[in-house]
Protein backbone atom coordinates (compact mmCIF):
# COMPACT_ATOMS: atom_id res chain seq x y z
CA MET A 1 -10.42 -18.31 13.91
CA LEU A 2 -6.94 -18.24 15.38
CA PRO A 3 -4.62 -15.39 14.42
CA ASP A 4 -2.03 -16.12 11.74
CA ALA A 5 0.75 -15.81 14.32
CA SER A 6 -0.63 -18.59 16.57
CA ARG A 7 1.40 -21.64 17.59
CA PHE A 8 -1.19 -23.91 15.99
CA ASN A 9 -0.76 -22.24 12.59
CA GLU A 10 3.02 -22.43 12.95
CA ALA A 11 2.81 -26.16 13.70
CA ARG A 12 0.37 -26.69 10.83
CA VAL A 13 2.53 -25.04 8.16
CA ASN A 14 5.58 -26.98 9.41
CA ASP A 15 3.74 -30.32 9.19
CA PRO A 16 5.10 -32.33 6.21
CA GLU A 17 1.69 -33.73 5.19
CA TYR A 18 0.06 -30.30 5.28
CA ALA A 19 2.98 -28.79 3.36
CA GLU A 20 2.58 -31.43 0.60
CA MET A 21 -1.16 -30.73 0.38
CA VAL A 22 -0.64 -26.96 0.12
CA ALA A 23 2.19 -27.37 -2.42
CA ASP A 24 -0.17 -29.33 -4.69
CA LEU A 25 -2.78 -26.55 -4.74
CA PRO A 26 -2.90 -24.25 -7.78
CA ASP A 27 -1.55 -20.73 -7.41
CA PRO A 28 -4.25 -18.26 -6.35
CA GLU A 29 -5.66 -15.96 -9.03
CA GLY A 30 -5.44 -12.21 -8.62
CA GLU A 31 -3.31 -10.14 -6.32
CA TRP A 32 -2.82 -11.00 -2.68
CA SER A 33 -4.60 -8.86 -0.12
CA PRO A 34 -4.77 -9.17 3.65
CA ARG A 35 -7.84 -10.62 5.33
CA VAL A 36 -10.34 -8.14 6.73
CA ALA A 37 -10.06 -9.80 10.15
CA ALA A 38 -6.29 -9.12 10.20
CA TYR A 39 -6.59 -5.48 9.09
CA GLY A 40 -7.36 -2.88 11.72
CA LEU A 41 -6.54 0.73 12.47
CA ASN A 42 -2.88 -0.04 13.19
CA GLU A 43 -2.43 -1.77 9.84
CA LEU A 44 -4.23 1.05 8.05
CA LEU A 45 -1.99 3.68 9.63
CA LEU A 46 1.18 1.67 8.94
CA ARG A 47 0.09 1.31 5.30
CA GLU A 48 -0.40 5.08 5.04
CA ILE A 49 3.01 5.74 6.62
CA LEU A 50 4.63 3.30 4.17
CA HIS A 51 3.02 5.07 1.21
CA GLU A 52 4.17 8.48 2.45
CA LEU A 53 7.73 7.23 2.93
CA LYS A 54 7.76 5.77 -0.58
CA ALA A 55 6.42 9.05 -2.00
CA ASN A 56 9.09 11.01 -0.10
CA ASN A 57 11.83 8.69 -1.40
CA ALA A 58 10.53 9.11 -4.95
CA ILE A 59 10.64 12.91 -4.63
CA THR A 60 14.16 12.79 -3.20
CA LEU A 61 15.38 10.50 -5.97
CA LYS A 62 13.80 12.69 -8.63
CA ALA A 63 15.35 15.83 -7.14
CA ALA A 64 18.76 14.14 -7.21
CA GLY A 65 18.29 13.35 -10.90
CA GLY A 66 17.45 9.69 -10.46
CA SER A 67 14.49 7.68 -11.62
CA PRO A 68 12.27 6.48 -8.78
CA GLY A 69 10.57 3.76 -10.81
CA GLU A 70 7.00 2.61 -10.46
CA PHE A 71 5.23 3.14 -7.14
CA LYS A 72 3.25 0.07 -6.09
CA GLU A 73 0.86 0.44 -3.17
CA PHE A 74 0.71 -2.17 -0.45
CA PRO A 75 -2.64 -3.94 -0.82
CA ALA A 76 -5.60 -3.39 1.47
CA PRO A 77 -8.31 -5.99 2.10
CA ARG A 78 -10.62 -6.68 -0.85
CA THR A 79 -14.22 -7.57 -0.11
CA ALA A 80 -17.40 -8.24 -2.03
CA VAL A 81 -18.34 -4.60 -1.34
CA HIS A 82 -15.27 -3.43 -3.29
CA ALA A 83 -16.14 -5.72 -6.20
CA ALA A 84 -19.76 -4.47 -6.21
CA ARG A 85 -18.63 -0.82 -6.19
CA GLU A 86 -16.23 -1.44 -9.09
CA ARG A 87 -19.01 -3.17 -11.03
CA LEU A 88 -21.43 -0.28 -10.38
CA GLU A 89 -18.80 2.28 -11.42
CA ARG A 90 -18.11 0.34 -14.63
CA ASP A 91 -21.85 0.07 -15.37
CA TRP A 92 -22.19 3.83 -14.82
CA ALA A 93 -19.23 4.53 -17.14
CA ILE A 94 -20.66 2.29 -19.86
CA ASN A 95 -24.06 3.98 -19.53
CA PHE A 96 -22.44 7.44 -19.64
CA ALA A 97 -20.32 6.57 -22.69
CA GLY A 98 -23.44 5.14 -24.34
CA ARG A 99 -24.99 8.61 -24.24
CA PHE A 100 -22.25 9.72 -26.63
CA GLY A 101 -22.79 6.81 -28.99
CA PHE A 102 -20.14 4.44 -27.71
CA THR A 103 -20.90 0.75 -27.25
CA PRO A 104 -19.73 -1.39 -24.29
CA ASP A 105 -17.06 -2.87 -26.60
CA ASP A 106 -15.59 0.61 -27.13
CA VAL A 107 -15.20 1.31 -23.41
């Protein structure tokens, strides 16, 4: 339960045996997201500021005739609640599309 920036975690990741063990692990599936315990109001506000700055830069580049490229948001924590909401929204969409004669394979 120590914070990521603790001296213990620094010593652990610099330990050769631990580094070998972690290097042998498979790459994680899915996109990285911060832990809920490490994500508070400050992190939320900094994320929002970052997104606004990126949006402003994109507008400035476009106005100057450039191409801003794809805007990728910085990830927020993902929890089981998020997964359940996405599943419920998908189920609702499949049910709604079914009313028009579409099957789940069509959606």
